[in-house]
PDB file of all heavy atoms in Angstrom:
ATOM      1  N   SER A   1     125.338  97.111  72.629  1.00  0.00           N
ATOM      2  CA  SER A   1     124.400  96.173  73.240  1.00  0.00           C
ATOM      3  C   SER A   1     123.967  96.750  74.571  1.00  0.00           C
ATOM      4  O   SER A   1     124.726  97.463  75.226  1.00  0.00           O
ATOM      5  CB  SER A   1     125.063  94.812  73.457  1.00  0.00           C
ATOM      6  OG  SER A   1     125.407  94.221  72.227  1.00  0.00           O
ATOM      7  N   PHE A   2     122.756  96.431  74.974  1.00  0.00           N
ATOM      8  CA  PHE A   2     122.196  96.969  76.209  1.00  0.00           C
ATOM      9  C   PHE A   2     121.666  95.851  77.089  1.00  0.00           C
ATOM     10  O   PHE A   2     121.076  94.894  76.590  1.00  0.00           O
ATOM     11  CB  PHE A   2     121.010  97.904  75.915  1.00  0.00           C
ATOM     12  CG  PHE A   2     121.380  99.189  75.253  1.00  0.00           C
ATOM     13  CD1 PHE A   2     121.463  99.275  73.879  1.00  0.00           C
ATOM     14  CD2 PHE A   2     121.635 100.315  76.016  1.00  0.00           C
ATOM     15  CE1 PHE A   2     121.795 100.465  73.262  1.00  0.00           C
ATOM     16  CE2 PHE A   2     121.963 101.513  75.407  1.00  0.00           C
ATOM     17  CZ  PHE A   2     122.047 101.587  74.035  1.00  0.00           C
ATOM     18  N   GLY A   3     121.844  96.019  78.371  1.00  0.00           N
ATOM     19  CA  GLY A   3     121.151  95.224  79.371  1.00  0.00           C
ATOM     20  C   GLY A   3     120.196  96.162  80.073  1.00  0.00           C
ATOM     21  O   GLY A   3     120.619  97.154  80.665  1.00  0.00           O
ATOM     22  N   ILE A   4     118.921  95.890  79.964  1.00  0.00           N
ATOM     23  CA  ILE A   4     117.911  96.766  80.560  1.00  0.00           C
ATOM     24  C   ILE A   4     117.346  96.081  81.798  1.00  0.00           C
ATOM     25  O   ILE A   4     116.920  94.928  81.737  1.00  0.00           O
ATOM     26  CB  ILE A   4     116.775  97.057  79.560  1.00  0.00           C
ATOM     27  CG1 ILE A   4     117.328  97.710  78.296  1.00  0.00           C
ATOM     28  CG2 ILE A   4     115.704  97.936  80.206  1.00  0.00           C
ATOM     29  CD1 ILE A   4     116.296  97.860  77.185  1.00  0.00           C
ATOM     30  N   ALA A   5     117.350  96.805  82.906  1.00  0.00           N
ATOM     31  CA  ALA A   5     116.789  96.278  84.146  1.00  0.00           C
ATOM     32  C   ALA A   5     115.863  97.322  84.745  1.00  0.00           C
ATOM     33  O   ALA A   5     116.135  98.517  84.682  1.00  0.00           O
ATOM     34  CB  ALA A   5     117.893  95.925  85.128  1.00  0.00           C
ATOM     35  N   CYS A   6     114.792  96.850  85.293  1.00  0.00           N
ATOM     36  CA  CYS A   6     113.805  97.739  85.909  1.00  0.00           C
ATOM     37  C   CYS A   6     113.298  97.063  87.172  1.00  0.00           C
ATOM     38  O   CYS A   6     113.111  95.847  87.191  1.00  0.00           O
ATOM     39  CB  CYS A   6     112.656  97.956  84.929  1.00  0.00           C
ATOM     40  SG  CYS A   6     111.358  99.037  85.554  1.00  0.00           S
ATOM     41  N   THR A   7     113.092  97.851  88.185  1.00  0.00           N
ATOM     42  CA  THR A   7     112.567  97.291  89.424  1.00  0.00           C
ATOM     43  C   THR A   7     111.806  98.343  90.194  1.00  0.00           C
ATOM     44  O   THR A   7     111.999  99.539  89.985  1.00  0.00           O
ATOM     45  CB  THR A   7     113.701  96.714  90.293  1.00  0.00           C
ATOM     46  OG1 THR A   7     113.126  95.972  91.363  1.00  0.00           O
ATOM     47  CG2 THR A   7     114.611  97.790  90.832  1.00  0.00           C
ATOM     48  N   ARG A   8     110.941  97.898  91.056  1.00  0.00           N
ATOM     49  CA  ARG A   8     110.292  98.767  92.022  1.00  0.00           C
ATOM     50  C   ARG A   8     111.009  98.514  93.343  1.00  0.00           C
ATOM     51  O   ARG A   8     110.886  97.422  93.908  1.00  0.00           O
ATOM     52  CB  ARG A   8     108.815  98.429  92.141  1.00  0.00           C
ATOM     53  CG  ARG A   8     108.020  98.877  90.956  1.00  0.00           C
ATOM     54  CD  ARG A   8     106.535  98.604  91.195  1.00  0.00           C
ATOM     55  NE  ARG A   8     105.733  99.164  90.146  1.00  0.00           N
ATOM     56  CZ  ARG A   8     105.491  98.587  88.975  1.00  0.00           C
ATOM     57  NH1 ARG A   8     106.038  97.419  88.705  1.00  0.00           N
ATOM     58  NH2 ARG A   8     104.739  99.165  88.068  1.00  0.00           N
ATOM     59  N   PRO A   9     111.765  99.484  93.822  1.00  0.00           N
ATOM     60  CA  PRO A   9     112.540  99.261  95.049  1.00  0.00           C
ATOM     61  C   PRO A   9     111.649  98.857  96.224  1.00  0.00           C
ATOM     62  O   PRO A   9     110.556  99.378  96.399  1.00  0.00           O
ATOM     63  CB  PRO A   9     113.195 100.614  95.315  1.00  0.00           C
ATOM     64  CG  PRO A   9     113.187 101.308  93.990  1.00  0.00           C
ATOM     65  CD  PRO A   9     111.960 100.828  93.276  1.00  0.00           C
ATOM     66  N   GLN A  10     112.144  97.923  96.957  1.00  0.00           N
ATOM     67  CA  GLN A  10     111.484  97.462  98.172  1.00  0.00           C
ATOM     68  C   GLN A  10     112.382  97.816  99.358  1.00  0.00           C
ATOM     69  O   GLN A  10     113.556  98.132  99.181  1.00  0.00           O
ATOM     70  CB  GLN A  10     111.276  95.944  98.112  1.00  0.00           C
ATOM     71  CG  GLN A  10     110.527  95.460  96.892  1.00  0.00           C
ATOM     72  CD  GLN A  10     109.089  95.951  96.858  1.00  0.00           C
ATOM     73  OE1 GLN A  10     108.425  95.990  97.886  1.00  0.00           O
ATOM     74  NE2 GLN A  10     108.607  96.336  95.688  1.00  0.00           N
ATOM     75  N   THR A  11     111.859  97.734 100.537  1.00  0.00           N
ATOM     76  CA  THR A  11     112.629  98.057 101.734  1.00  0.00           C
ATOM     77  C   THR A  11     113.919  97.243 101.801  1.00  0.00           C
ATOM     78  O   THR A  11     114.973  97.754 102.147  1.00  0.00           O
ATOM     79  CB  THR A  11     111.790  97.787 103.000  1.00  0.00           C
ATOM     80  OG1 THR A  11     110.573  98.517 102.894  1.00  0.00           O
ATOM     81  CG2 THR A  11     112.526  98.206 104.248  1.00  0.00           C
ATOM     82  N   GLN A  12     113.863  95.977 101.413  1.00  0.00           N
ATOM     83  CA  GLN A  12     115.025  95.103 101.489  1.00  0.00           C
ATOM     84  C   GLN A  12     115.904  95.157 100.238  1.00  0.00           C
ATOM     85  O   GLN A  12     116.912  94.481 100.162  1.00  0.00           O
ATOM     86  CB  GLN A  12     114.586  93.657 101.762  1.00  0.00           C
ATOM     87  CG  GLN A  12     113.817  93.017 100.621  1.00  0.00           C
ATOM     88  CD  GLN A  12     112.319  93.329 100.576  1.00  0.00           C
ATOM     89  OE1 GLN A  12     111.843  94.218 101.275  1.00  0.00           O
ATOM     90  NE2 GLN A  12     111.584  92.617  99.759  1.00  0.00           N
ATOM     91  N   SER A  13     115.556  95.980  99.256  1.00  0.00           N
ATOM     92  CA  SER A  13     116.328  96.077  98.019  1.00  0.00           C
ATOM     93  C   SER A  13     117.706  96.681  98.276  1.00  0.00           C
ATOM     94  O   SER A  13     117.846  97.599  99.078  1.00  0.00           O
ATOM     95  CB  SER A  13     115.605  96.958  96.992  1.00  0.00           C
ATOM     96  OG  SER A  13     114.389  96.396  96.617  1.00  0.00           O
ATOM     97  N   LEU A  14     118.683  96.157  97.560  1.00  0.00           N
ATOM     98  CA  LEU A  14     120.034  96.702  97.600  1.00  0.00           C
ATOM     99  C   LEU A  14     120.346  97.353  96.262  1.00  0.00           C
ATOM    100  O   LEU A  14     119.992  96.798  95.219  1.00  0.00           O
ATOM    101  CB  LEU A  14     121.052  95.594  97.892  1.00  0.00           C
ATOM    102  CG  LEU A  14     120.884  94.877  99.226  1.00  0.00           C
ATOM    103  CD1 LEU A  14     121.846  93.698  99.323  1.00  0.00           C
ATOM    104  CD2 LEU A  14     121.112  95.849 100.367  1.00  0.00           C
ATOM    105  N   PRO A  15     121.016  98.508  96.249  1.00  0.00           N
ATOM    106  CA  PRO A  15     121.311  99.200  94.989  1.00  0.00           C
ATOM    107  C   PRO A  15     122.078  98.325  93.993  1.00  0.00           C
ATOM    108  O   PRO A  15     121.838  98.388  92.801  1.00  0.00           O
ATOM    109  CB  PRO A  15     122.153 100.400  95.421  1.00  0.00           C
ATOM    110  CG  PRO A  15     121.828 100.616  96.850  1.00  0.00           C
ATOM    111  CD  PRO A  15     121.494  99.261  97.405  1.00  0.00           C
ATOM    112  N   GLY A  16     122.958  97.487  94.496  1.00  0.00           N
ATOM    113  CA  GLY A  16     123.748  96.632  93.613  1.00  0.00           C
ATOM    114  C   GLY A  16     122.933  95.594  92.864  1.00  0.00           C
ATOM    115  O   GLY A  16     123.367  95.085  91.830  1.00  0.00           O
ATOM    116  N   GLU A  17     121.739  95.259  93.352  1.00  0.00           N
ATOM    117  CA  GLU A  17     120.905  94.259  92.688  1.00  0.00           C
ATOM    118  C   GLU A  17     120.478  94.722  91.298  1.00  0.00           C
ATOM    119  O   GLU A  17     120.480  93.944  90.353  1.00  0.00           O
ATOM    120  CB  GLU A  17     119.676  93.941  93.535  1.00  0.00           C
ATOM    121  CG  GLU A  17     120.000  93.204  94.813  1.00  0.00           C
ATOM    122  CD  GLU A  17     118.792  93.017  95.717  1.00  0.00           C
ATOM    123  OE1 GLU A  17     117.803  93.774  95.592  1.00  0.00           O
ATOM    124  OE2 GLU A  17     118.856  92.111  96.565  1.00  0.00           O
ATOM    125  N   LEU A  18     120.114  95.987  91.171  1.00  0.00           N
ATOM    126  CA  LEU A  18     119.687  96.514  89.876  1.00  0.00           C
ATOM    127  C   LEU A  18     120.856  96.510  88.891  1.00  0.00           C
ATOM    128  O   LEU A  18     120.698  96.140  87.730  1.00  0.00           O
ATOM    129  CB  LEU A  18     119.098  97.918  90.020  1.00  0.00           C
ATOM    130  CG  LEU A  18     118.492  98.527  88.766  1.00  0.00           C
ATOM    131  CD1 LEU A  18     117.351  97.663  88.231  1.00  0.00           C
ATOM    132  CD2 LEU A  18     117.990  99.931  89.062  1.00  0.00           C
ATOM    133  N   VAL A  19     122.032  96.897  89.366  1.00  0.00           N
ATOM    134  CA  VAL A  19     123.232  96.880  88.522  1.00  0.00           C
ATOM    135  C   VAL A  19     123.541  95.455  88.100  1.00  0.00           C
ATOM    136  O   VAL A  19     123.846  95.185  86.929  1.00  0.00           O
ATOM    137  CB  VAL A  19     124.435  97.514  89.246  1.00  0.00           C
ATOM    138  CG1 VAL A  19     125.710  97.347  88.446  1.00  0.00           C
ATOM    139  CG2 VAL A  19     124.169  98.987  89.530  1.00  0.00           C
ATOM    140  N   ALA A  20     123.436  94.507  89.019  1.00  0.00           N
ATOM    141  CA  ALA A  20     123.689  93.096  88.696  1.00  0.00           C
ATOM    142  C   ALA A  20     122.691  92.579  87.669  1.00  0.00           C
ATOM    143  O   ALA A  20     123.057  91.830  86.749  1.00  0.00           O
ATOM    144  CB  ALA A  20     123.652  92.248  89.966  1.00  0.00           C
ATOM    145  N   ASP A  21     121.429  92.975  87.800  1.00  0.00           N
ATOM    146  CA  ASP A  21     120.409  92.567  86.829  1.00  0.00           C
ATOM    147  C   ASP A  21     120.725  93.118  85.440  1.00  0.00           C
ATOM    148  O   ASP A  21     120.626  92.410  84.440  1.00  0.00           O
ATOM    149  CB  ASP A  21     119.020  93.053  87.256  1.00  0.00           C
ATOM    150  CG  ASP A  21     118.483  92.311  88.459  1.00  0.00           C
ATOM    151  OD1 ASP A  21     119.047  91.271  88.839  1.00  0.00           O
ATOM    152  OD2 ASP A  21     117.475  92.790  89.031  1.00  0.00           O
ATOM    153  N   ALA A  22     121.097  94.390  85.382  1.00  0.00           N
ATOM    154  CA  ALA A  22     121.432  95.014  84.097  1.00  0.00           C
ATOM    155  C   ALA A  22     122.663  94.355  83.490  1.00  0.00           C
ATOM    156  O   ALA A  22     122.710  94.104  82.283  1.00  0.00           O
ATOM    157  CB  ALA A  22     121.653  96.515  84.273  1.00  0.00           C
ATOM    158  N   ASP A  23     123.659  94.055  84.309  1.00  0.00           N
ATOM    159  CA  ASP A  23     124.881  93.419  83.824  1.00  0.00           C
ATOM    160  C   ASP A  23     124.592  92.018  83.290  1.00  0.00           C
ATOM    161  O   ASP A  23     125.107  91.624  82.239  1.00  0.00           O
ATOM    162  CB  ASP A  23     125.920  93.374  84.943  1.00  0.00           C
ATOM    163  CG  ASP A  23     127.296  93.025  84.435  1.00  0.00           C
ATOM    164  OD1 ASP A  23     127.750  93.660  83.447  1.00  0.00           O
ATOM    165  OD2 ASP A  23     127.937  92.114  85.003  1.00  0.00           O
ATOM    166  N   ALA A  24     123.760  91.257  83.983  1.00  0.00           N
ATOM    167  CA  ALA A  24     123.381  89.926  83.516  1.00  0.00           C
ATOM    168  C   ALA A  24     122.617  90.011  82.196  1.00  0.00           C
ATOM    169  O   ALA A  24     122.825  89.202  81.280  1.00  0.00           O
ATOM    170  CB  ALA A  24     122.541  89.205  84.573  1.00  0.00           C
ATOM    171  N   ALA A  25     121.742  91.000  82.076  1.00  0.00           N
ATOM    172  CA  ALA A  25     120.992  91.187  80.831  1.00  0.00           C
ATOM    173  C   ALA A  25     121.931  91.585  79.692  1.00  0.00           C
ATOM    174  O   ALA A  25     121.781  91.119  78.558  1.00  0.00           O
ATOM    175  CB  ALA A  25     119.901  92.233  81.017  1.00  0.00           C
ATOM    176  N   LEU A  26     122.911  92.430  79.979  1.00  0.00           N
ATOM    177  CA  LEU A  26     123.895  92.816  78.963  1.00  0.00           C
ATOM    178  C   LEU A  26     124.665  91.594  78.478  1.00  0.00           C
ATOM    179  O   LEU A  26     124.875  91.412  77.279  1.00  0.00           O
ATOM    180  CB  LEU A  26     124.858  93.866  79.521  1.00  0.00           C
ATOM    181  CG  LEU A  26     126.030  94.255  78.619  1.00  0.00           C
ATOM    182  CD1 LEU A  26     125.543  94.847  77.306  1.00  0.00           C
ATOM    183  CD2 LEU A  26     126.957  95.224  79.347  1.00  0.00           C
ATOM    184  N   TYR A  27     125.076  90.738  79.394  1.00  0.00           N
ATOM    185  CA  TYR A  27     125.798  89.518  79.045  1.00  0.00           C
ATOM    186  C   TYR A  27     124.948  88.650  78.116  1.00  0.00           C
ATOM    187  O   TYR A  27     125.434  88.131  77.115  1.00  0.00           O
ATOM    188  CB  TYR A  27     126.173  88.764  80.323  1.00  0.00           C
ATOM    189  CG  TYR A  27     126.945  87.503  80.082  1.00  0.00           C
ATOM    190  CD1 TYR A  27     128.293  87.550  79.718  1.00  0.00           C
ATOM    191  CD2 TYR A  27     126.345  86.261  80.229  1.00  0.00           C
ATOM    192  CE1 TYR A  27     129.006  86.389  79.495  1.00  0.00           C
ATOM    193  CE2 TYR A  27     127.057  85.092  80.017  1.00  0.00           C
ATOM    194  CZ  TYR A  27     128.382  85.156  79.648  1.00  0.00           C
ATOM    195  OH  TYR A  27     129.082  84.003  79.421  1.00  0.00           O
ATOM    196  N   LYS A  28     123.655  88.522  78.408  1.00  0.00           N
ATOM    197  CA  LYS A  28     122.758  87.738  77.559  1.00  0.00           C
ATOM    198  C   LYS A  28     122.619  88.374  76.176  1.00  0.00           C
ATOM    199  O   LYS A  28     122.554  87.668  75.166  1.00  0.00           O
ATOM    200  CB  LYS A  28     121.392  87.582  78.212  1.00  0.00           C
ATOM    201  CG  LYS A  28     121.422  86.657  79.410  1.00  0.00           C
ATOM    202  CD  LYS A  28     120.052  86.558  80.067  1.00  0.00           C
ATOM    203  CE  LYS A  28     120.111  85.653  81.281  1.00  0.00           C
ATOM    204  NZ  LYS A  28     118.808  85.540  81.957  1.00  0.00           N
ATOM    205  N   ALA A  29     122.561  89.703  76.115  1.00  0.00           N
ATOM    206  CA  ALA A  29     122.471  90.383  74.818  1.00  0.00           C
ATOM    207  C   ALA A  29     123.715  90.104  73.980  1.00  0.00           C
ATOM    208  O   ALA A  29     123.619  89.818  72.789  1.00  0.00           O
ATOM    209  CB  ALA A  29     122.292  91.888  75.021  1.00  0.00           C
ATOM    210  N   LYS A  30     124.874  90.163  74.613  1.00  0.00           N
ATOM    211  CA  LYS A  30     126.117  89.897  73.888  1.00  0.00           C
ATOM    212  C   LYS A  30     126.182  88.447  73.421  1.00  0.00           C
ATOM    213  O   LYS A  30     126.609  88.165  72.299  1.00  0.00           O
ATOM    214  CB  LYS A  30     127.326  90.235  74.754  1.00  0.00           C
ATOM    215  CG  LYS A  30     127.522  91.731  74.950  1.00  0.00           C
ATOM    216  CD  LYS A  30     128.738  92.007  75.804  1.00  0.00           C
ATOM    217  CE  LYS A  30     129.017  93.483  75.924  1.00  0.00           C
ATOM    218  NZ  LYS A  30     130.230  93.736  76.717  1.00  0.00           N
ATOM    219  N   LEU A  31     125.744  87.514  74.262  1.00  0.00           N
ATOM    220  CA  LEU A  31     125.729  86.103  73.873  1.00  0.00           C
ATOM    221  C   LEU A  31     124.778  85.841  72.712  1.00  0.00           C
ATOM    222  O   LEU A  31     125.001  84.943  71.912  1.00  0.00           O
ATOM    223  CB  LEU A  31     125.332  85.221  75.059  1.00  0.00           C
ATOM    224  CG  LEU A  31     126.402  84.936  76.092  1.00  0.00           C
ATOM    225  CD1 LEU A  31     125.827  84.081  77.220  1.00  0.00           C
ATOM    226  CD2 LEU A  31     127.600  84.240  75.474  1.00  0.00           C
ATOM    227  N   ALA A  32     123.718  86.624  72.629  1.00  0.00           N
ATOM    228  CA  ALA A  32     122.718  86.443  71.573  1.00  0.00           C
ATOM    229  C   ALA A  32     123.164  87.030  70.239  1.00  0.00           C
ATOM    230  O   ALA A  32     122.461  86.911  69.249  1.00  0.00           O
ATOM    231  CB  ALA A  32     121.392  87.064  71.998  1.00  0.00           C
TER     232      ALA A  32
END
């Protein structure tokens, strides 16, 4: 299963946000 996340980094972006987005998407894929 995959969690896919994509973003355009902004000045205020934190690296962990993209990982958190991908992890949340992975969780949704597994639940589905």
